């Protein structure tokens, strides 16, 4: 990559710190919001008592999860401190959220039944380490539920070329094909279960932590 891992993280943090107060009304926020219904529908197929939202942003999805499943334990983490401020304003004290790095998730091993990662994975410069951390905090046979942007092969090639350039200010790192993301999952002790393309706009995948 042309940019270092820390450069990507710094740019991502700066970008979302700046957007935080108006995120839900921004293009990014509206793009993420269109994924929520599919994520909630997929979630209804799982049995879980605890969930971690990695890249929780302003906390909107966590609020929806807690409303639908009031008895579960829920938590969130995001690289952007300003996003966490917004999430705390929305969620109050019922759901603990904190600023932190997915490459060093501040929870013990085997803490959660379900981990949600929505429109965040393409910001991670070391995807293998990030997935290994997700696997670590999931209980054995715990579920990973991920939503990510999708574009056709040719468009994806152009976008990924741009993301490696110094002109990339948003901190996005890489847009993955289905084959690429499933290979990463398999190398990180996840077993891919489903991959669904929604409206040719984004995909939602589920995987199980085999450990």
Protein backbone atom coordinates (compact mmCIF):
# COMPACT_ATOMS: atom_id res chain seq x y z
CA UNK A 1 0.00 0.00 0.00
CA UNK A 2 1.13 3.55 -0.72
CA UNK A 3 -0.12 4.78 2.66
CA UNK A 4 0.97 3.34 6.00
CA UNK A 5 -1.44 1.62 8.37
CA UNK A 6 -1.20 4.49 10.82
CA UNK A 7 -1.86 7.04 8.07
CA UNK A 8 -5.08 5.27 7.13
CA UNK A 9 -6.19 5.20 10.77
CA UNK A 10 -5.29 8.85 11.34
CA UNK A 11 -7.18 9.96 8.24
CA UNK A 12 -10.18 7.81 9.10
CA UNK A 13 -10.33 9.19 12.64
CA UNK A 14 -10.01 12.78 11.41
CA UNK A 15 -12.67 12.26 8.75
CA UNK A 16 -15.27 10.83 11.12
CA UNK A 17 -14.44 13.16 13.98
CA UNK A 18 -15.32 15.98 11.60
CA UNK A 19 -18.55 14.31 10.44
CA UNK A 20 -19.76 13.09 13.82
CA UNK A 21 -22.26 15.82 14.74
CA UNK A 22 -24.08 15.56 11.39
CA UNK A 23 -23.19 11.99 10.47
CA UNK A 24 -26.70 10.51 10.34
CA UNK A 25 -27.74 13.18 7.81
CA UNK A 26 -24.59 12.85 5.70
CA UNK A 27 -24.19 10.70 2.59
CA UNK A 28 -22.15 8.19 4.60
CA UNK A 29 -24.76 8.00 7.32
CA UNK A 30 -27.62 7.52 4.87
CA UNK A 31 -25.64 4.84 3.01
CA UNK A 32 -25.11 2.94 6.27
CA UNK A 33 -28.74 3.36 7.28
CA UNK A 34 -29.96 1.48 4.22
CA UNK A 35 -28.12 -1.60 5.49
CA UNK A 36 -29.79 -1.69 8.89
CA UNK A 37 -33.01 -3.47 7.90
CA UNK A 38 -31.07 -6.34 6.31
CA UNK A 39 -28.75 -6.60 9.30
CA UNK A 40 -31.67 -6.67 11.73
CA UNK A 41 -33.40 -9.32 9.63
CA UNK A 42 -30.28 -11.50 9.60
CA UNK A 43 -29.85 -10.98 13.32
CA UNK A 44 -33.29 -12.42 14.00
CA UNK A 45 -31.98 -15.81 12.83
CA UNK A 46 -29.40 -15.97 15.64
CA UNK A 47 -29.70 -16.83 19.30
CA UNK A 48 -27.57 -14.39 21.29
CA UNK A 49 -27.39 -12.73 24.69
CA UNK A 50 -24.51 -10.34 24.02
CA UNK A 51 -23.41 -8.24 21.04
CA UNK A 52 -20.51 -5.94 20.20
CA UNK A 53 -20.84 -3.36 17.44
CA UNK A 54 -17.36 -2.73 16.01
CA UNK A 55 -17.26 0.63 14.27
CA UNK A 56 -20.48 1.61 16.02
CA UNK A 57 -20.35 5.22 14.82
CA UNK A 58 -23.10 7.38 16.26
CA UNK A 59 -24.81 4.38 17.88
CA UNK A 60 -27.90 4.24 15.65
CA UNK A 61 -27.68 0.51 14.95
CA UNK A 62 -26.99 -0.27 18.61
CA UNK A 63 -30.11 1.67 19.57
CA UNK A 64 -32.16 -0.41 17.12
CA UNK A 65 -30.68 -3.65 18.44
CA UNK A 66 -31.38 -2.72 22.05
CA UNK A 67 -34.95 -1.74 21.23
CA UNK A 68 -35.54 -5.08 19.50
CA UNK A 69 -33.65 -7.12 22.11
CA UNK A 70 -33.98 -5.21 25.41
CA UNK A 71 -32.64 -8.03 27.59
CA UNK A 72 -29.30 -8.55 25.87
CA UNK A 73 -25.95 -7.06 26.82
CA UNK A 74 -24.74 -4.68 24.11
CA UNK A 75 -21.57 -2.65 23.66
CA UNK A 76 -19.82 -0.62 20.99
CA UNK A 77 -16.38 0.60 19.94
CA UNK A 78 -15.30 3.17 17.36
CA UNK A 79 -12.01 4.77 16.40
CA UNK A 80 -13.56 8.25 16.36
CA UNK A 81 -13.86 9.86 19.78
CA UNK A 82 -16.40 12.37 18.45
CA UNK A 83 -18.56 9.53 17.16
CA UNK A 84 -18.49 7.99 20.62
CA UNK A 85 -19.66 11.31 22.08
CA UNK A 86 -22.66 11.17 19.73
CA UNK A 87 -23.31 7.51 20.57
CA UNK A 88 -23.31 8.23 24.32
CA UNK A 89 -25.79 11.06 23.80
CA UNK A 90 -28.10 8.68 21.93
CA UNK A 91 -27.66 5.55 24.05
CA UNK A 92 -27.26 6.98 27.53
CA UNK A 93 -25.74 4.74 30.17
CA UNK A 94 -27.56 1.56 29.16
CA UNK A 95 -25.04 0.58 26.48
CA UNK A 96 -21.30 1.02 27.15
CA UNK A 97 -19.45 2.47 24.16
CA UNK A 98 -15.84 3.56 24.00
CA UNK A 99 -13.24 4.92 21.63
CA UNK A 100 -10.79 2.26 20.57
CA UNK A 101 -9.01 0.38 17.81
CA UNK A 102 -10.41 -2.81 16.32
CA UNK A 103 -6.86 -4.18 16.26
CA UNK A 104 -6.86 -4.07 20.08
CA UNK A 105 -10.45 -4.62 21.19
CA UNK A 106 -10.64 -3.81 24.93
CA UNK A 107 -12.72 -6.82 26.00
CA UNK A 108 -11.56 -10.24 27.23
CA UNK A 109 -11.53 -13.42 25.17
CA UNK A 110 -14.90 -15.09 24.53
CA UNK A 111 -16.97 -12.08 25.63
CA UNK A 112 -19.73 -11.95 22.99
CA UNK A 113 -22.18 -14.20 21.18
CA UNK A 114 -22.50 -11.83 18.22
CA UNK A 115 -20.25 -9.21 16.64
CA UNK A 116 -21.64 -6.68 14.16
CA UNK A 117 -19.37 -4.74 11.81
CA UNK A 118 -21.28 -2.48 9.45
CA UNK A 119 -19.65 -0.32 6.74
CA UNK A 120 -16.44 -0.28 8.76
CA UNK A 121 -14.27 -3.18 7.62
CA UNK A 122 -13.03 -1.39 4.49
CA UNK A 123 -11.35 1.14 6.82
CA UNK A 124 -9.09 -1.46 8.45
CA UNK A 125 -5.51 -1.39 7.11
CA UNK A 126 -4.60 -4.75 8.69
CA UNK A 127 -7.74 -6.83 7.97
CA UNK A 128 -6.20 -10.10 9.13
CA UNK A 129 -5.36 -8.71 12.56
CA UNK A 130 -8.77 -7.05 12.81
CA UNK A 131 -10.56 -10.33 12.08
CA UNK A 132 -8.36 -12.20 14.53
CA UNK A 133 -9.32 -9.71 17.24
CA UNK A 134 -12.99 -10.13 16.38
CA UNK A 135 -12.59 -13.88 16.61
CA UNK A 136 -10.82 -13.55 19.96
CA UNK A 137 -13.66 -11.67 21.66
CA UNK A 138 -16.35 -13.92 20.17
CA UNK A 139 -17.34 -17.06 22.03
CA UNK A 140 -16.75 -20.38 20.27
CA UNK A 141 -19.36 -20.71 17.52
CA UNK A 142 -20.21 -17.03 17.96
CA UNK A 143 -21.48 -15.19 14.90
CA UNK A 144 -19.96 -12.36 12.87
CA UNK A 145 -22.45 -10.21 10.93
CA UNK A 146 -20.86 -7.79 8.47
CA UNK A 147 -22.25 -5.27 5.99
CA UNK A 148 -19.94 -3.76 3.37
CA UNK A 149 -20.16 -1.68 0.18
CA UNK A 150 -20.07 -3.48 -3.14
CA UNK A 151 -19.19 -2.40 -6.67
CA UNK A 152 -18.58 -4.31 -9.88
CA UNK A 153 -15.07 -5.57 -10.59
CA UNK A 154 -14.03 -2.72 -12.88
CA UNK A 155 -15.42 0.01 -10.63
CA UNK A 156 -13.86 -1.64 -7.59
CA UNK A 157 -10.46 -1.68 -9.32
CA UNK A 158 -10.63 2.08 -9.95
CA UNK A 159 -11.78 2.83 -6.40
CA UNK A 160 -9.06 0.70 -4.84
CA UNK A 161 -6.41 2.36 -6.98
CA UNK A 162 -7.58 5.75 -5.74
CA UNK A 163 -7.68 4.60 -2.11
CA UNK A 164 -3.96 3.82 -2.24
CA UNK A 165 -3.13 7.35 -3.37
CA UNK A 166 -2.20 10.38 -1.23
CA UNK A 167 -5.48 12.01 -2.34
CA UNK A 168 -7.51 9.61 -0.16
CA UNK A 169 -8.65 11.77 2.77
CA UNK A 170 -11.42 9.52 4.17
CA UNK A 171 -9.25 6.68 5.44
CA UNK A 172 -10.99 4.02 3.36
CA UNK A 173 -8.48 1.25 2.65
CA UNK A 174 -9.88 -1.39 0.29
CA UNK A 175 -13.19 -2.62 -1.16
CA UNK A 176 -13.27 -6.42 -1.14
CA UNK A 177 -14.75 -8.90 -3.56
CA UNK A 178 -16.67 -11.85 -2.21
CA UNK A 179 -13.73 -14.19 -2.81
CA UNK A 180 -11.28 -11.86 -1.09
CA UNK A 181 -13.37 -11.37 2.04
CA UNK A 182 -14.13 -15.08 2.35
CA UNK A 183 -10.43 -15.92 2.07
CA UNK A 184 -9.64 -13.44 4.85
CA UNK A 185 -12.34 -14.96 7.03
CA UNK A 186 -11.07 -18.49 6.50
CA UNK A 187 -7.50 -17.47 7.40
CA UNK A 188 -8.80 -15.93 10.64
CA UNK A 189 -10.63 -19.05 11.87
CA UNK A 190 -14.03 -17.91 10.67
CA UNK A 191 -16.24 -20.20 8.62
CA UNK A 192 -18.26 -18.19 6.08
CA UNK A 193 -21.95 -19.11 6.17
CA UNK A 194 -23.79 -16.66 3.91
CA UNK A 195 -22.97 -13.83 1.50
CA UNK A 196 -25.92 -11.84 0.15
CA UNK A 197 -25.71 -9.01 -2.38
CA UNK A 198 -28.41 -6.41 -1.69
CA UNK A 199 -29.62 -4.19 -4.54
CA UNK A 200 -26.17 -4.44 -6.12
CA UNK A 201 -25.17 -1.77 -3.59
CA UNK A 202 -23.85 -3.61 -0.56
CA UNK A 203 -23.42 -7.12 0.74
CA UNK A 204 -24.17 -8.68 4.10
CA UNK A 205 -22.27 -11.75 5.23
CA UNK A 206 -22.47 -14.05 8.21
CA UNK A 207 -19.66 -16.23 9.54
CA UNK A 208 -19.09 -18.41 12.58
CA UNK A 209 -16.05 -18.37 14.85
CA UNK A 210 -14.56 -21.86 14.58
CA UNK A 211 -12.18 -22.21 17.50
